[in-house]
Each structure stands twice: as C-alpha cells, then as structure tokens.
Amino acid sequence: AELLFDLGDLPGAADREVGDPEELAALQRAFTASSWAARTPAAVEVPFEMPIGDTVVRGRIDAVFVDPDGGATVVDWKTGKPPHGPAAMRQAA
C-alpha cells in the first residue's frame, strides 16, 4: 500500500516515550501491516471541544475515515506505555 504521509508524522512519533528507534520502528511496522495503512482519511488532526459539566474538554482526533456504509470511524491512536496503577488509570480516563 502506498503511504499518504511520512510515518514520522504519525501522532506520537515524536513523543519521548516512543523515542527509542526500535520502538518507533515497531510502531511503524504495526501501522503499515494494519488495515488503516490502506485507507484514506477524510480528515486528520481534527480539533474538538466537548462540555462535560462545568469543564470543557479539548483535544484532537487523529483521523476520521468514511466507512463504505456512509458512516464514519473516528480513530485516536495511542502510543507510549499504558498507565500503571489506580492513580495513573484515573488520570488517563
């Protein structure tokens, strides 16, 4: 499959947690072997704001793909190590 972007531009590619060249290479191999590599995103790095109670949560969606049935799949890829312990799990939620 032809890549539509530089793998180094993937969200999280510059994160300190995945700065190890071997880890980054493994992430790149996993992505290129996945079904996502062959799909063309309709949008990337889409900003969003969502009020939750008195708080506004802001972020960016990594990619939005249009599905064959006309629906959409929203993707937020995760990189780095999963959170450990109850406090880290709450923070990541």
C-alpha atoms as a PDB file:
ATOM      1  CA  ALA A   1       0.000   0.000   0.000  1.00  0.00           C
ATOM      2  CA  GLU A   2       1.198   3.490  -0.810  1.00  0.00           C
ATOM      3  CA  LEU A   3       1.573   5.668   2.263  1.00  0.00           C
ATOM      4  CA  LEU A   4      -0.210   9.013   2.233  1.00  0.00           C
ATOM      5  CA  PHE A   5       2.105  10.571   4.804  1.00  0.00           C
ATOM      6  CA  ASP A   6       5.503  10.214   6.400  1.00  0.00           C
ATOM      7  CA  LEU A   7       5.406   7.636   9.193  1.00  0.00           C
ATOM      8  CA  GLY A   8       7.455  10.028  11.316  1.00  0.00           C
ATOM      9  CA  ASP A   9       4.481  12.389  11.199  1.00  0.00           C
ATOM     10  CA  LEU A  10       2.180   9.908  12.918  1.00  0.00           C
ATOM     11  CA  PRO A  11       0.707  11.261  16.136  1.00  0.00           C
ATOM     12  CA  GLY A  12       3.051  10.384  18.955  1.00  0.00           C
ATOM     13  CA  ALA A  13       6.051   9.695  16.720  1.00  0.00           C
ATOM     14  CA  ALA A  14       7.974  12.483  18.447  1.00  0.00           C
ATOM     15  CA  ASP A  15       6.866  11.545  21.967  1.00  0.00           C
ATOM     16  CA  ARG A  16       9.679  10.939  24.378  1.00  0.00           C
ATOM     17  CA  GLU A  17       8.090   7.625  25.385  1.00  0.00           C
ATOM     18  CA  VAL A  18       8.470   6.223  21.862  1.00  0.00           C
ATOM     19  CA  GLY A  19      11.760   7.934  21.125  1.00  0.00           C
ATOM     20  CA  ASP A  20      13.642   4.648  21.070  1.00  0.00           C
ATOM     21  CA  PRO A  21      14.300   3.952  17.365  1.00  0.00           C
ATOM     22  CA  GLU A  22      13.445   0.261  17.771  1.00  0.00           C
ATOM     23  CA  GLU A  23      10.113   1.071  19.443  1.00  0.00           C
ATOM     24  CA  LEU A  24       9.265   3.625  16.770  1.00  0.00           C
ATOM     25  CA  ALA A  25      10.180   1.151  14.023  1.00  0.00           C
ATOM     26  CA  ALA A  26       7.899  -1.439  15.653  1.00  0.00           C
ATOM     27  CA  LEU A  27       5.023   1.081  15.747  1.00  0.00           C
ATOM     28  CA  GLN A  28       5.613   1.912  12.093  1.00  0.00           C
ATOM     29  CA  ARG A  29       5.653  -1.776  11.104  1.00  0.00           C
ATOM     30  CA  ALA A  30       2.448  -2.393  13.047  1.00  0.00           C
ATOM     31  CA  PHE A  31       0.735   0.534  11.335  1.00  0.00           C
ATOM     32  CA  THR A  32       1.828  -0.412   7.816  1.00  0.00           C
ATOM     33  CA  ALA A  33       0.673  -4.006   8.431  1.00  0.00           C
ATOM     34  CA  SER A  34      -2.736  -2.830   9.665  1.00  0.00           C
ATOM     35  CA  SER A  35      -5.840  -2.183   7.585  1.00  0.00           C
ATOM     36  CA  TRP A  36      -5.518   1.545   8.415  1.00  0.00           C
ATOM     37  CA  ALA A  37      -2.484   1.970   6.158  1.00  0.00           C
ATOM     38  CA  ALA A  38      -4.561   1.212   3.053  1.00  0.00           C
ATOM     39  CA  ARG A  39      -7.360   3.626   3.962  1.00  0.00           C
ATOM     40  CA  THR A  40      -7.519   7.310   3.095  1.00  0.00           C
ATOM     41  CA  PRO A  41      -8.595   9.531   5.975  1.00  0.00           C
ATOM     42  CA  ALA A  42     -11.323  12.100   5.299  1.00  0.00           C
ATOM     43  CA  ALA A  43      -9.727  14.328   7.943  1.00  0.00           C
ATOM     44  CA  VAL A  44      -6.715  14.269  10.253  1.00  0.00           C
ATOM     45  CA  GLU A  45      -5.852  16.088  13.478  1.00  0.00           C
ATOM     46  CA  VAL A  46      -9.442  17.305  13.892  1.00  0.00           C
ATOM     47  CA  PRO A  47      -9.804  19.628  16.898  1.00  0.00           C
ATOM     48  CA  PHE A  48     -12.807  19.148  19.171  1.00  0.00           C
ATOM     49  CA  GLU A  49     -14.366  20.726  22.266  1.00  0.00           C
ATOM     50  CA  MET A  50     -16.907  18.950  24.439  1.00  0.00           C
ATOM     51  CA  PRO A  51     -18.516  20.381  27.574  1.00  0.00           C
ATOM     52  CA  ILE A  52     -18.734  17.925  30.448  1.00  0.00           C
ATOM     53  CA  GLY A  53     -20.431  19.595  33.374  1.00  0.00           C
ATOM     54  CA  ASP A  54     -18.547  22.810  34.136  1.00  0.00           C
ATOM     55  CA  THR A  55     -15.440  21.650  32.261  1.00  0.00           C
ATOM     56  CA  VAL A  56     -14.657  21.923  28.564  1.00  0.00           C
ATOM     57  CA  VAL A  57     -12.563  19.036  27.276  1.00  0.00           C
ATOM     58  CA  ARG A  58     -10.409  19.948  24.286  1.00  0.00           C
ATOM     59  CA  GLY A  59      -8.359  17.665  22.114  1.00  0.00           C
ATOM     60  CA  ARG A  60      -7.586  16.431  18.636  1.00  0.00           C
ATOM     61  CA  ILE A  61      -8.875  13.359  16.853  1.00  0.00           C
ATOM     62  CA  ASP A  62      -6.062  11.647  14.964  1.00  0.00           C
ATOM     63  CA  ALA A  63      -8.130  10.611  11.947  1.00  0.00           C
ATOM     64  CA  VAL A  64     -11.669  10.243  10.616  1.00  0.00           C
ATOM     65  CA  PHE A  65     -12.388   7.610   7.974  1.00  0.00           C
ATOM     66  CA  VAL A  66     -15.577   7.322   5.912  1.00  0.00           C
ATOM     67  CA  ASP A  67     -16.964   3.799   6.038  1.00  0.00           C
ATOM     68  CA  PRO A  68     -18.418   2.006   2.979  1.00  0.00           C
ATOM     69  CA  ASP A  69     -21.920   2.280   4.501  1.00  0.00           C
ATOM     70  CA  GLY A  70     -21.608   6.077   4.754  1.00  0.00           C
ATOM     71  CA  GLY A  71     -20.852   6.111   8.469  1.00  0.00           C
ATOM     72  CA  ALA A  72     -17.601   7.294   9.970  1.00  0.00           C
ATOM     73  CA  THR A  73     -14.873   5.755  12.084  1.00  0.00           C
ATOM     74  CA  VAL A  74     -13.070   8.108  14.461  1.00  0.00           C
ATOM     75  CA  VAL A  75      -9.547   6.997  15.389  1.00  0.00           C
ATOM     76  CA  ASP A  76      -7.334   8.181  18.218  1.00  0.00           C
ATOM     77  CA  TRP A  77      -4.136   6.165  18.101  1.00  0.00           C
ATOM     78  CA  LYS A  78      -2.298   5.652  21.361  1.00  0.00           C
ATOM     79  CA  THR A  79       1.446   5.488  21.668  1.00  0.00           C
ATOM     80  CA  GLY A  80       3.712   5.054  24.620  1.00  0.00           C
ATOM     81  CA  LYS A  81       3.271   2.851  27.612  1.00  0.00           C
ATOM     82  CA  PRO A  82      -0.140   2.118  29.150  1.00  0.00           C
ATOM     83  CA  PRO A  83      -0.843   3.728  32.529  1.00  0.00           C
ATOM     84  CA  HIS A  84       0.091   1.735  35.624  1.00  0.00           C
ATOM     85  CA  GLY A  85      -1.672   1.837  38.968  1.00  0.00           C
ATOM     86  CA  PRO A  86      -5.059   3.246  40.020  1.00  0.00           C
ATOM     87  CA  ALA A  87      -3.991   6.924  40.024  1.00  0.00           C
ATOM     88  CA  ALA A  88      -2.487   6.689  36.535  1.00  0.00           C
ATOM     89  CA  MET A  89      -5.574   4.866  35.255  1.00  0.00           C
ATOM     90  CA  ARG A  90      -7.856   7.632  36.598  1.00  0.00           C
ATOM     91  CA  GLN A  91      -5.643  10.300  35.003  1.00  0.00           C
ATOM     92  CA  ALA A  92      -5.730   8.548  31.637  1.00  0.00           C
ATOM     93  CA  ALA A  93      -9.520   8.077  31.684  1.00  0.00           C
END
